[in-house]
Protein backbone atom coordinates (compact mmCIF):
# COMPACT_ATOMS: atom_id res chain seq x y z
CA UNK A 1 0.00 0.00 0.00
CA UNK A 2 1.51 3.30 -1.11
CA UNK A 3 0.37 6.52 0.51
CA UNK A 4 0.44 8.79 -2.52
CA UNK A 5 -0.98 11.69 -0.50
CA UNK A 6 1.57 11.12 2.27
CA UNK A 7 4.48 11.07 -0.16
CA UNK A 8 3.39 14.00 -2.32
CA UNK A 9 1.49 16.24 0.11
CA UNK A 10 2.83 15.31 3.53
CA UNK A 11 -0.57 14.33 4.95
CA UNK A 12 -0.54 11.47 7.44
CA UNK A 13 -3.08 8.76 8.26
CA UNK A 14 -3.03 5.91 10.79
CA UNK A 15 -1.55 3.53 8.21
CA UNK A 16 1.21 5.95 7.26
CA UNK A 17 2.45 5.79 10.85
CA UNK A 18 3.07 2.08 10.29
CA UNK A 19 4.50 2.37 6.77
CA UNK A 20 6.72 5.44 6.79
CA UNK A 21 8.71 5.33 10.02
CA UNK A 22 12.37 4.52 10.46
CA UNK A 23 12.84 0.78 10.89
CA UNK A 24 9.54 -0.24 9.26
CA UNK A 25 11.50 -2.42 6.83
CA UNK A 26 13.49 -4.14 9.58
CA UNK A 27 11.95 -7.30 10.93
CA UNK A 28 12.76 -10.55 12.65
CA UNK A 29 10.36 -13.47 12.25
CA UNK A 30 7.71 -11.15 10.86
CA UNK A 31 7.80 -8.70 13.76
CA UNK A 32 9.10 -5.13 13.64
CA UNK A 33 10.39 -3.76 16.95
CA UNK A 34 7.62 -5.41 18.91
CA UNK A 35 4.87 -4.63 16.41
CA UNK A 36 3.12 -7.58 14.79
CA UNK A 37 1.82 -7.64 11.23
CA UNK A 38 -1.44 -6.15 9.99
CA UNK A 39 -3.76 -9.16 9.78
CA UNK A 40 -6.33 -9.56 7.02
CA UNK A 41 -8.95 -11.99 8.31
CA UNK A 42 -11.37 -13.43 5.78
CA UNK A 43 -13.89 -14.00 8.54
CA UNK A 44 -16.35 -15.64 6.13
CA UNK A 45 -16.27 -16.91 2.57
CA UNK A 46 -19.99 -16.37 2.05
CA UNK A 47 -20.92 -13.39 -0.11
CA UNK A 48 -24.08 -11.91 -1.59
CA UNK A 49 -22.25 -10.99 -4.82
CA UNK A 50 -20.03 -12.89 -7.25
CA UNK A 51 -17.26 -10.53 -8.32
CA UNK A 52 -15.11 -11.35 -11.31
CA UNK A 53 -11.80 -10.70 -9.55
CA UNK A 54 -12.57 -12.24 -6.13
CA UNK A 55 -9.34 -13.74 -4.77
CA UNK A 56 -11.34 -15.79 -2.23
CA UNK A 57 -13.63 -17.45 -4.80
CA UNK A 58 -16.57 -16.42 -2.62
CA UNK A 59 -20.18 -17.30 -3.39
CA UNK A 60 -23.67 -17.02 -1.88
CA UNK A 61 -23.59 -20.27 0.05
CA UNK A 62 -22.64 -21.43 3.52
CA UNK A 63 -19.11 -22.73 3.90
CA UNK A 64 -18.22 -25.22 6.59
CA UNK A 65 -15.30 -24.93 9.03
CA UNK A 66 -15.63 -21.20 9.75
CA UNK A 67 -14.04 -20.19 13.04
CA UNK A 68 -16.65 -20.23 15.81
CA UNK A 69 -17.18 -17.15 17.96
CA UNK A 70 -15.08 -18.63 20.76
CA UNK A 71 -12.31 -19.65 18.35
CA UNK A 72 -12.36 -16.18 16.80
CA UNK A 73 -12.07 -14.48 20.19
CA UNK A 74 -9.16 -16.72 21.15
CA UNK A 75 -7.49 -15.80 17.86
CA UNK A 76 -8.10 -12.07 18.37
CA UNK A 77 -6.79 -12.22 21.93
CA UNK A 78 -3.59 -13.78 20.66
CA UNK A 79 -3.29 -10.94 18.14
CA UNK A 80 -3.42 -8.58 21.12
CA UNK A 81 -0.61 -10.52 22.82
CA UNK A 82 1.39 -10.37 19.58
CA UNK A 83 0.90 -6.59 19.38
CA UNK A 84 -0.96 -6.70 16.07
CA UNK A 85 -1.99 -3.07 15.38
CA UNK A 86 -4.83 -3.66 12.89
CA UNK A 87 -7.24 -6.42 11.96
CA UNK A 88 -8.98 -6.08 8.61
CA UNK A 89 -12.27 -7.96 8.54
CA UNK A 90 -12.74 -9.16 4.98
CA UNK A 91 -14.56 -11.96 3.21
CA UNK A 92 -16.57 -12.96 1.32
CA UNK A 93 -18.81 -10.29 2.70
CA UNK A 94 -17.97 -9.78 6.40
CA UNK A 95 -21.38 -8.28 7.18
CA UNK A 96 -22.92 -11.69 6.53
CA UNK A 97 -21.13 -13.08 9.56
CA UNK A 98 -23.72 -13.02 12.37
CA UNK A 99 -21.27 -12.34 15.21
CA UNK A 100 -19.29 -9.68 13.34
CA UNK A 101 -20.22 -6.78 15.62
CA UNK A 102 -19.47 -8.84 18.71
CA UNK A 103 -16.02 -9.63 17.33
CA UNK A 104 -15.35 -6.01 16.37
CA UNK A 105 -16.21 -4.94 19.90
CA UNK A 106 -13.91 -7.63 21.26
CA UNK A 107 -11.05 -6.44 19.04
CA UNK A 108 -11.56 -2.93 20.41
CA UNK A 109 -11.38 -4.31 23.97
CA UNK A 110 -8.06 -5.87 22.91
CA UNK A 111 -6.83 -2.45 21.69
CA UNK A 112 -6.70 -3.60 18.08
CA UNK A 113 -7.92 -1.22 15.39
CA UNK A 114 -10.64 -2.80 13.27
CA UNK A 115 -11.22 -2.00 9.61
CA UNK A 116 -13.67 -3.62 7.21
CA UNK A 117 -13.45 -4.42 3.51
CA UNK A 118 -17.00 -4.73 2.17
CA UNK A 119 -19.03 -4.48 -1.02
CA UNK A 120 -21.18 -1.95 0.84
CA UNK A 121 -24.54 -3.27 -0.37
CA UNK A 122 -25.68 -4.30 3.13
CA UNK A 123 -24.86 -1.04 4.90
CA UNK A 124 -28.23 0.54 5.58
CA UNK A 125 -28.51 3.37 8.10
CA UNK A 126 -28.96 1.00 11.05
CA UNK A 127 -25.86 -0.97 10.09
CA UNK A 128 -23.83 2.22 9.64
CA UNK A 129 -24.77 3.26 13.17
CA UNK A 130 -23.72 -0.14 14.54
CA UNK A 131 -20.35 0.09 12.76
CA UNK A 132 -19.79 3.50 14.30
CA UNK A 133 -20.87 2.39 17.77
CA UNK A 134 -18.59 -0.67 17.63
CA UNK A 135 -15.58 1.55 17.02
CA UNK A 136 -14.68 0.54 13.47
CA UNK A 137 -11.70 2.62 12.40
CA UNK A 138 -12.42 2.54 8.69
CA UNK A 139 -14.86 1.02 6.21
CA UNK A 140 -13.55 0.39 2.68
CA UNK A 141 -16.34 0.00 0.11
CA UNK A 142 -15.62 -1.33 -3.37
CA UNK A 143 -16.74 0.50 -6.49
CA UNK A 144 -15.14 -0.89 -9.64
CA UNK A 145 -16.60 1.57 -12.12
CA UNK A 146 -19.73 3.60 -12.65
CA UNK A 147 -23.23 2.09 -12.65
CA UNK A 148 -23.33 -0.46 -15.47
CA UNK A 149 -19.63 -1.28 -15.29
CA UNK A 150 -19.68 -1.87 -11.55
CA UNK A 151 -22.85 -3.97 -11.69
CA UNK A 152 -21.40 -6.11 -14.48
CA UNK A 153 -18.11 -6.55 -12.62
CA UNK A 154 -19.87 -7.46 -9.38
CA UNK A 155 -22.41 -9.77 -11.02
CA UNK A 156 -25.49 -8.03 -9.63
CA UNK A 157 -27.75 -5.35 -11.05
CA UNK A 158 -28.18 -2.50 -8.61
CA UNK A 159 -24.90 -3.21 -6.79
CA UNK A 160 -23.55 0.26 -7.63
CA UNK A 161 -26.52 2.11 -6.15
CA UNK A 162 -26.49 -0.08 -3.05
CA UNK A 163 -22.74 0.41 -2.52
CA UNK A 164 -23.00 4.17 -3.01
CA UNK A 165 -25.83 4.30 -0.50
CA UNK A 166 -23.59 2.36 1.89
CA UNK A 167 -20.97 5.10 1.57
CA UNK A 168 -23.58 7.79 2.10
CA UNK A 169 -25.01 6.05 5.15
CA UNK A 170 -21.56 5.80 6.73
CA UNK A 171 -20.84 9.44 6.05
CA UNK A 172 -24.18 10.48 7.52
CA UNK A 173 -23.39 8.94 10.91
CA UNK A 174 -19.75 10.05 10.95
CA UNK A 175 -18.25 6.63 10.23
CA UNK A 176 -14.94 6.97 8.40
CA UNK A 177 -15.42 5.43 4.97
CA UNK A 178 -13.62 5.32 1.64
CA UNK A 179 -13.75 3.92 -1.84
CA UNK A 180 -11.81 0.95 -3.24
CA UNK A 181 -11.29 0.63 -7.00
CA UNK A 182 -9.53 -2.30 -8.72
CA UNK A 183 -8.02 -1.12 -12.00
CA UNK A 184 -8.48 -3.35 -15.07
CA UNK A 185 -8.85 -2.82 -18.78
CA UNK A 186 -12.66 -2.68 -18.55
CA UNK A 187 -12.85 0.19 -16.06
CA UNK A 188 -9.57 1.99 -16.79
CA UNK A 189 -11.39 4.65 -18.83
CA UNK A 190 -13.66 5.46 -15.88
CA UNK A 191 -10.92 6.74 -13.58
CA UNK A 192 -11.85 10.36 -14.33
CA UNK A 193 -15.48 9.56 -13.51
CA UNK A 194 -14.41 8.02 -10.21
CA UNK A 195 -12.55 11.19 -9.26
CA UNK A 196 -15.66 13.20 -10.16
CA UNK A 197 -17.71 10.90 -7.93
CA UNK A 198 -15.23 11.39 -5.10
CA UNK A 199 -15.62 15.15 -5.43
CA UNK A 200 -19.42 15.11 -5.74
CA UNK A 201 -19.93 12.74 -2.81
CA UNK A 202 -17.21 14.35 -0.68
CA UNK A 203 -15.45 11.02 -0.19
CA UNK A 204 -12.16 11.70 1.59
CA UNK A 205 -10.27 8.46 1.01
CA UNK A 206 -9.72 6.26 -2.05
CA UNK A 207 -7.52 3.22 -2.66
CA UNK A 208 -6.69 2.25 -6.24
CA UNK A 209 -5.90 -1.47 -6.36
CA UNK A 210 -3.92 -3.25 -9.06
CA UNK A 211 -5.31 -6.60 -10.18
CA UNK A 212 -3.76 -9.67 -8.52
CA UNK A 213 -4.13 -12.97 -10.37
CA UNK A 214 -5.57 -15.07 -7.56
CA UNK A 215 -8.86 -16.90 -7.05
CA UNK A 216 -11.29 -15.84 -9.76
CA UNK A 217 -8.80 -13.10 -10.57
CA UNK A 218 -6.58 -15.84 -12.03
CA UNK A 219 -8.83 -15.88 -15.09
CA UNK A 220 -8.35 -12.13 -15.61
CA UNK A 221 -4.68 -12.07 -16.57
CA UNK A 222 -5.54 -11.02 -20.10
CA UNK A 223 -7.94 -8.38 -18.74
CA UNK A 224 -5.29 -6.48 -16.79
CA UNK A 225 -4.17 -3.06 -17.98
CA UNK A 226 -1.10 -2.68 -20.18
CA UNK A 227 2.13 -1.08 -18.99
CA UNK A 228 1.21 2.09 -20.87
CA UNK A 229 -2.21 2.20 -19.22
CA UNK A 230 -0.65 1.65 -15.77
CA UNK A 231 1.60 4.64 -16.33
CA UNK A 232 -1.28 6.81 -17.54
CA UNK A 233 -3.36 5.76 -14.55
CA UNK A 234 -0.54 6.78 -12.20
CA UNK A 235 -0.12 10.09 -14.05
CA UNK A 236 -3.79 10.84 -13.42
CA UNK A 237 -3.64 9.70 -9.78
CA UNK A 238 -0.57 11.89 -9.16
CA UNK A 239 -2.23 14.87 -10.86
CA UNK A 240 -5.44 14.51 -8.85
CA UNK A 241 -3.51 14.02 -5.60
CA UNK A 242 -1.77 17.33 -6.10
CA UNK A 243 -5.06 19.04 -6.98
CA UNK A 244 -6.95 17.62 -4.01
CA UNK A 245 -4.16 18.08 -1.47
CA UNK A 246 -5.22 17.25 2.08
CA UNK A 247 -8.92 17.03 1.21
CA UNK A 248 -8.70 13.42 -0.02
CA UNK A 249 -6.32 10.67 1.07
CA UNK A 250 -5.20 8.74 -2.03
CA UNK A 251 -3.37 5.41 -2.02
CA UNK A 252 -2.42 2.75 -4.53
CA UNK A 253 -2.27 -0.91 -3.57
CA UNK A 254 -0.67 -4.15 -4.81
CA UNK A 255 1.98 -2.78 -7.18
CA UNK A 256 5.16 -1.29 -5.76
CA UNK A 257 6.29 -0.18 -9.19
CA UNK A 258 3.99 2.74 -8.35
CA UNK A 259 6.42 3.89 -5.66
CA UNK A 260 9.33 4.04 -8.09
CA UNK A 261 7.22 5.73 -10.78
CA UNK A 262 6.03 8.28 -8.22
CA UNK A 263 9.60 9.08 -7.24
CA UNK A 264 10.74 9.41 -10.87
CA UNK A 265 7.79 11.71 -11.58
CA UNK A 266 8.55 13.81 -8.50
CA UNK A 267 12.15 14.28 -9.63
CA UNK A 268 10.84 15.87 -12.83
CA UNK A 269 7.79 17.77 -11.62
CA UNK A 270 8.16 18.23 -7.86
CA UNK A 271 11.94 18.16 -7.24
CA UNK A 272 11.65 19.73 -3.78
CA UNK A 273 9.72 16.65 -2.61
CA UNK A 274 11.76 13.95 -4.34
CA UNK A 275 14.45 13.35 -1.70
CA UNK A 276 11.89 13.01 1.09
CA UNK A 277 9.79 10.64 -1.01
CA UNK A 278 12.82 8.41 -1.56
CA UNK A 279 13.67 8.50 2.15
CA UNK A 280 10.16 7.46 3.19
CA UNK A 281 9.97 4.71 0.58
CA UNK A 282 13.22 3.24 1.88
CA UNK A 283 11.74 3.23 5.38
CA UNK A 284 8.78 1.25 4.04
CA UNK A 285 10.83 -1.27 2.06
CA UNK A 286 8.26 -2.25 -0.57
CA UNK A 287 6.10 -5.37 -0.68
CA UNK A 288 5.59 -6.76 2.84
CA UNK A 289 3.78 -10.04 2.18
CA UNK A 290 4.86 -12.49 4.87
CA UNK A 291 6.51 -9.68 6.79
CA UNK A 292 4.18 -6.84 7.83
CA UNK A 293 1.01 -8.25 6.26
CA UNK A 294 -0.56 -11.61 7.10
CA UNK A 295 -3.74 -13.43 6.18
CA UNK A 296 -5.99 -15.79 8.07
CA UNK A 297 -8.81 -17.36 6.07
CA UNK A 298 -12.30 -18.32 7.22
CA UNK A 299 -11.10 -21.79 8.29
CA UNK A 300 -8.31 -20.34 10.41
CA UNK A 301 -5.49 -21.18 8.03
CA UNK A 302 -2.61 -18.71 7.98
CA UNK A 303 -1.10 -17.47 4.71
CA UNK A 304 1.65 -14.95 3.80
CA UNK A 305 -1.05 -12.64 2.40
CA UNK A 306 -4.63 -12.90 1.18
CA UNK A 307 -3.56 -13.85 -2.35
CA UNK A 308 -1.37 -16.83 -1.46
CA UNK A 309 -4.06 -19.27 -0.34
CA UNK A 310 -2.16 -22.25 -1.79
CA UNK A 311 0.59 -21.74 0.81
CA UNK A 312 -0.60 -22.54 4.33
CA UNK A 313 1.63 -21.97 7.35
CA UNK A 314 -0.64 -23.44 10.02
CA UNK A 315 -4.12 -23.13 11.53
CA UNK A 316 -5.12 -20.93 14.47
CA UNK A 317 -7.55 -23.60 15.65
CA UNK A 318 -4.57 -25.76 16.56
CA UNK A 319 -1.80 -23.27 17.26
CA UNK A 320 -1.54 -19.61 18.20
CA UNK A 321 -1.16 -17.20 15.29
CA UNK A 322 1.91 -15.71 16.98
CA UNK A 323 3.66 -19.08 17.03
CA UNK A 324 2.74 -19.84 13.42
CA UNK A 325 3.91 -16.42 12.22
CA UNK A 326 7.20 -16.62 14.13
CA UNK A 327 8.01 -20.06 12.71
CA UNK A 328 10.49 -19.84 9.84
CA UNK A 329 10.36 -23.52 8.89
CA UNK A 330 8.28 -22.87 5.77
CA UNK A 331 10.51 -22.20 2.73
CA UNK A 332 7.91 -19.77 1.38
CA UNK A 333 7.82 -17.60 4.48
CA UNK A 334 11.59 -17.76 4.86
CA UNK A 335 11.97 -16.80 1.21
CA UNK A 336 9.58 -13.88 1.47
CA UNK A 337 11.41 -12.48 4.46
CA UNK A 338 14.79 -12.74 2.73
CA UNK A 339 13.80 -12.66 -0.91
CA UNK A 340 16.35 -10.35 -2.49
CA UNK A 341 18.87 -13.11 -3.22
CA UNK A 342 16.35 -15.58 -4.64
CA UNK A 343 14.34 -13.31 -6.94
CA UNK A 344 14.82 -14.02 -10.63
CA UNK A 345 14.70 -12.15 -13.93
CA UNK A 346 14.46 -8.37 -13.93
CA UNK A 347 13.60 -8.30 -10.23
CA UNK A 348 16.95 -9.86 -9.35
CA UNK A 349 18.89 -7.03 -11.03
CA UNK A 350 16.55 -4.09 -10.42
CA UNK A 351 18.22 -1.07 -8.83
CA UNK A 352 14.99 -0.27 -6.97
CA UNK A 353 14.85 -3.57 -5.07
CA UNK A 354 15.11 -1.81 -1.68
CA UNK A 355 11.99 0.20 -2.53
CA UNK A 356 9.91 -2.44 -4.30
CA UNK A 357 11.14 -5.70 -2.71
CA UNK A 358 10.20 -7.75 -5.75
CA UNK A 359 6.56 -6.65 -5.93
CA UNK A 360 3.87 -9.40 -5.96
CA UNK A 361 4.94 -13.03 -6.04
CA UNK A 362 1.42 -14.32 -6.74
CA UNK A 363 1.31 -12.58 -10.13
CA UNK A 364 4.74 -13.92 -11.01
CA UNK A 365 3.67 -17.47 -10.21
CA UNK A 366 0.33 -17.15 -12.01
CA UNK A 367 2.02 -16.16 -15.28
CA UNK A 368 5.31 -18.10 -15.15
CA UNK A 369 4.70 -20.95 -12.72
CA UNK A 370 7.69 -19.71 -10.69
CA UNK A 371 6.97 -17.96 -7.38
CA UNK A 372 10.30 -16.09 -7.54
CA UNK A 373 10.13 -14.89 -11.15
CA UNK A 374 9.68 -11.23 -12.10
CA UNK A 375 6.29 -9.66 -11.49
CA UNK A 376 4.68 -9.27 -14.94
CA UNK A 377 2.73 -6.21 -13.75
CA UNK A 378 5.90 -4.15 -13.33
CA UNK A 379 5.45 -1.44 -15.95
CA UNK A 380 8.89 0.16 -15.59
CA UNK A 381 11.26 -0.09 -18.55
CA UNK A 382 14.60 -1.87 -18.44
CA UNK A 383 16.37 1.48 -18.61
CA UNK A 384 14.38 2.80 -15.67
CA UNK A 385 15.27 -0.14 -13.44
CA UNK A 386 18.89 -0.40 -14.58
CA UNK A 387 18.93 -3.77 -16.33
CA UNK A 388 20.17 -4.61 -19.84
CA UNK A 389 17.81 -3.59 -22.63
CA UNK A 390 17.71 -7.20 -23.76
CA UNK A 391 16.35 -8.43 -20.40
CA UNK A 392 12.99 -10.17 -20.68
CA UNK A 393 10.02 -8.55 -18.97
CA UNK A 394 9.35 -11.77 -16.99
């Protein structure tokens, strides 16, 4: 996650205090100076929509083996002991989990900040009030295009209107809420419209996600944007960030080539900010899968991140999350935490490795079959990353 507003405008959010501090890139067994990882918990796999890019392959049915309320509380309590700063309740659709509000309240009692990733369609005014009363730090609602585009992408007519109403209901009760947008070739041309929507609806936070080829998203490799489109998208995001200043927090997610491109752009257009941007990006250290970000699925299985479901490190039903996360016996987790010497292709020679850290391994594996190959979604040229012109893109 790259805080474009933080890097360009100097604004600071809760997440920036975790990302852009000295020592954020230094860790031992997945812990940084006594701070555990941010944990994404897919608390349910059940969902009322069927989105094209869903990494969890969620559907509108009941899945067995979900953590019980007692098991979930034991898990959350261990996160407290492990000094986990944030738990992100995701899904499926987390609002379909009947004990969700009880668990959010329990996380607050454990001094863990709760955030929610939701499709927003179930947030009526009563639900918005409950989210606020439970102490949810942030609600991220997905909008992957304007009306018809979003509905088609989410597999449900009326999903756009329902999601937008969810945003409005949160805003009305003072619940912090923002928009999530996954860029792909079908909605790329609607980025300007999304910024207009942000302005019209007075939405003060937006995260632009890059597509990750996992779950149903594995079938969308050919529907990802081109390198040229990625660059144009970043140009627009940078332009709008400077225009909006501290009125809207803007972030990009799941492609650390954005950090390098942002720095290169700043050197040309905003030279007074460039050195500080580089300094903060070095603090962050790039992709943190298996390091500062962890995933626990609905069954309690622990993964390096929410996109690497095929690699399981253990199950919180049988063993504390803290013990699983601190165990370096898995070659995948060991590799992720010390990946610079095992990355291949362009990533292995890239001069920006300390800023990007090899980007997303799931995309590399989806396209090449090799977990340590170059990320195919890196849109930087060979010249820009300092490798021979003849080097293959992946």
